[in-house]
Amino acid sequence: MSQEPAMEKRTRPTKHRPGRRGVARIFSLSGPELMFLGYCLMVVMAVRLGLTLFSYSRIRSVVTRLDASQCASMGDLRRIAWGVAAAARFVPRASCLTQALSGQYILARQGNESKIRIGIERGTGERLKAHAWLVSDNHIVLGGSVDGFTHLLDHGGR
């Protein structure tokens, strides 16, 4: 079972910080896009703060309380991927796990089911490198390609 990315163009949102071009782009967004980006920014900041203050399990339990049983449309997946990745550029240390939890929360609030997939990089030698993806209906929403990583576990909505 192969997984298809929800976004065709992948960026590395945790490495790029907003500059003049990024801020100028914000002013070119429509009202609804700007509102959604603001919502995503609040969610990413709350998840980042939550992961700093509490355990992953405790933060994840907030998401699992939501009733999420539907499959999101490809348009919704792309919109959430864009919003969370763009918002993460403004939040220091918004890791792949922060972004995956944020996306899962936003999807769950809409009633859409998803899971967080966690894996480790193969052949890294002494250093262990972990990575998290958000997957919905066999589409990678956030986290990029799974190539080079060994899948360890999935954390679904419930």
Protein backbone atom coordinates (compact mmCIF):
# COMPACT_ATOMS: atom_id res chain seq x y z
CA MET A 1 0.00 0.00 0.00
CA SER A 2 1.80 3.13 -1.19
CA GLN A 3 1.20 6.55 0.20
CA GLU A 4 0.60 9.63 -1.90
CA PRO A 5 1.62 13.07 -0.66
CA ALA A 6 -1.30 15.48 -0.28
CA MET A 7 0.92 18.31 -1.49
CA GLU A 8 2.91 17.98 -4.68
CA LYS A 9 5.60 20.50 -3.79
CA ARG A 10 7.36 19.80 -0.50
CA THR A 11 9.10 22.45 1.53
CA ARG A 12 11.07 22.14 4.72
CA PRO A 13 8.95 24.41 6.92
CA THR A 14 11.09 24.09 10.04
CA LYS A 15 14.22 25.37 8.26
CA HIS A 16 12.79 28.45 6.54
CA ARG A 17 11.88 31.52 8.51
CA PRO A 18 9.65 34.27 7.19
CA GLY A 19 11.48 37.09 5.50
CA ARG A 20 10.25 40.08 3.58
CA ARG A 21 8.87 37.91 0.80
CA GLY A 22 6.99 35.73 3.29
CA VAL A 23 5.40 38.70 5.01
CA ALA A 24 4.51 40.27 1.64
CA ARG A 25 2.79 37.04 0.65
CA ILE A 26 0.62 37.21 3.76
CA PHE A 27 -0.78 40.55 2.62
CA SER A 28 -1.69 39.03 -0.74
CA LEU A 29 -3.95 36.38 0.85
CA SER A 30 -7.73 36.66 0.67
CA GLY A 31 -9.71 37.24 3.86
CA PRO A 32 -10.70 33.59 4.35
CA GLU A 33 -7.12 32.42 3.64
CA LEU A 34 -5.76 34.91 6.14
CA MET A 35 -8.29 33.79 8.77
CA PHE A 36 -7.39 30.14 8.19
CA LEU A 37 -3.67 30.91 8.43
CA GLY A 38 -4.30 32.75 11.70
CA TYR A 39 -6.25 29.74 13.01
CA CYS A 40 -3.41 27.41 12.00
CA LEU A 41 -0.88 29.71 13.66
CA MET A 42 -2.84 29.59 16.93
CA VAL A 43 -3.08 25.79 16.78
CA VAL A 44 0.63 25.32 15.99
CA MET A 45 1.63 27.71 18.79
CA ALA A 46 -0.68 25.95 21.27
CA VAL A 47 0.63 22.50 20.30
CA ARG A 48 4.25 23.69 20.48
CA LEU A 49 3.67 25.18 23.92
CA GLY A 50 1.79 22.06 25.00
CA LEU A 51 4.64 19.79 23.93
CA THR A 52 7.04 22.00 25.88
CA LEU A 53 4.99 21.89 29.08
CA PHE A 54 3.33 18.46 28.90
CA SER A 55 3.92 15.00 27.50
CA TYR A 56 3.13 13.92 23.94
CA SER A 57 0.49 11.51 25.30
CA ARG A 58 -1.31 14.27 27.14
CA ILE A 59 -1.38 16.56 24.11
CA ARG A 60 -2.49 13.70 21.86
CA SER A 61 -5.34 12.90 24.27
CA VAL A 62 -6.87 16.30 23.47
CA VAL A 63 -7.09 15.28 19.82
CA THR A 64 -8.47 11.81 20.52
CA ARG A 65 -11.41 13.26 22.44
CA LEU A 66 -12.77 14.67 19.20
CA ASP A 67 -15.13 12.52 17.13
CA ALA A 68 -13.29 12.02 13.84
CA SER A 69 -14.64 9.33 11.54
CA GLN A 70 -14.89 10.85 8.05
CA CYS A 71 -12.34 11.03 5.26
CA ALA A 72 -11.24 14.53 4.28
CA SER A 73 -11.31 15.68 0.67
CA MET A 74 -8.02 16.19 -1.14
CA GLY A 75 -8.75 19.93 -1.18
CA ASP A 76 -9.12 19.97 2.62
CA LEU A 77 -5.89 17.99 3.04
CA ARG A 78 -3.96 20.40 0.81
CA ARG A 79 -5.42 23.42 2.60
CA ILE A 80 -4.45 22.05 6.01
CA ALA A 81 -0.99 21.07 4.78
CA TRP A 82 -0.47 24.60 3.45
CA GLY A 83 -1.85 26.30 6.57
CA VAL A 84 0.10 24.28 9.11
CA ALA A 85 3.38 24.38 7.14
CA ALA A 86 3.04 28.14 6.61
CA ALA A 87 2.17 28.76 10.27
CA ALA A 88 5.06 26.57 11.44
CA ARG A 89 7.50 28.98 9.78
CA PHE A 90 6.51 31.57 12.39
CA VAL A 91 6.77 29.26 15.41
CA PRO A 92 10.24 28.46 16.77
CA ARG A 93 11.00 24.73 17.01
CA ALA A 94 7.78 23.71 15.28
CA SER A 95 9.05 20.19 14.60
CA CYS A 96 7.50 17.51 12.42
CA LEU A 97 5.70 16.19 15.50
CA THR A 98 4.31 19.64 16.32
CA GLN A 99 3.05 20.01 12.77
CA ALA A 100 1.58 16.50 12.62
CA LEU A 101 -0.31 16.99 15.90
CA SER A 102 -1.54 20.41 14.74
CA GLY A 103 -2.79 19.03 11.46
CA GLN A 104 -4.42 16.08 13.20
CA TYR A 105 -6.21 18.44 15.58
CA ILE A 106 -7.50 20.63 12.74
CA LEU A 107 -8.68 17.60 10.78
CA ALA A 108 -10.36 16.11 13.87
CA ARG A 109 -12.16 19.40 14.57
CA GLN A 110 -13.69 19.04 11.10
CA GLY A 111 -14.67 15.44 11.88
CA ASN A 112 -11.96 13.97 9.66
CA GLU A 113 -9.89 11.01 10.76
CA SER A 114 -6.12 10.83 10.45
CA LYS A 115 -3.17 9.17 12.11
CA ILE A 116 0.31 10.18 13.09
CA ARG A 117 2.95 7.84 11.78
CA ILE A 118 6.29 7.76 13.58
CA GLY A 119 9.45 6.22 12.21
CA ILE A 120 13.22 6.30 12.40
CA GLU A 121 15.77 6.90 9.69
CA ARG A 122 17.49 3.79 8.39
CA GLY A 123 21.27 3.51 8.34
CA THR A 124 22.12 6.64 10.31
CA GLY A 125 24.90 5.00 12.28
CA GLU A 126 25.18 6.08 15.88
CA ARG A 127 22.57 8.87 15.89
CA LEU A 128 18.91 7.91 15.86
CA LYS A 129 16.76 10.27 13.82
CA ALA A 130 12.98 10.10 14.34
CA HIS A 131 10.32 11.64 12.11
CA ALA A 132 6.55 12.08 12.25
CA TRP A 133 4.02 12.28 9.42
CA LEU A 134 0.34 13.04 9.34
CA VAL A 135 -1.52 10.53 7.19
CA SER A 136 -5.18 10.68 6.18
CA ASP A 137 -6.84 8.12 3.93
CA ASN A 138 -3.42 6.85 2.78
CA HIS A 139 -2.27 10.36 1.80
CA ILE A 140 0.67 12.02 3.51
CA VAL A 141 -0.66 15.39 4.63
CA LEU A 142 2.40 16.70 6.50
CA GLY A 143 5.92 15.38 6.95
CA GLY A 144 7.13 14.79 3.42
CA SER A 145 8.34 11.51 2.00
CA VAL A 146 8.66 8.34 4.06
CA ASP A 147 11.59 7.16 1.94
CA GLY A 148 14.58 6.23 4.06
CA PHE A 149 12.55 5.79 7.25
CA THR A 150 11.46 2.62 9.02
CA HIS A 151 7.87 2.78 10.19
CA LEU A 152 7.56 2.14 13.94
CA LEU A 153 3.98 2.94 14.92
CA ASP A 154 0.76 4.74 14.07
CA HIS A 155 -1.27 6.84 16.44
CA GLY A 156 -4.83 7.07 15.15
CA GLY A 157 -7.56 9.34 16.33
CA ARG A 158 -8.85 6.90 18.97
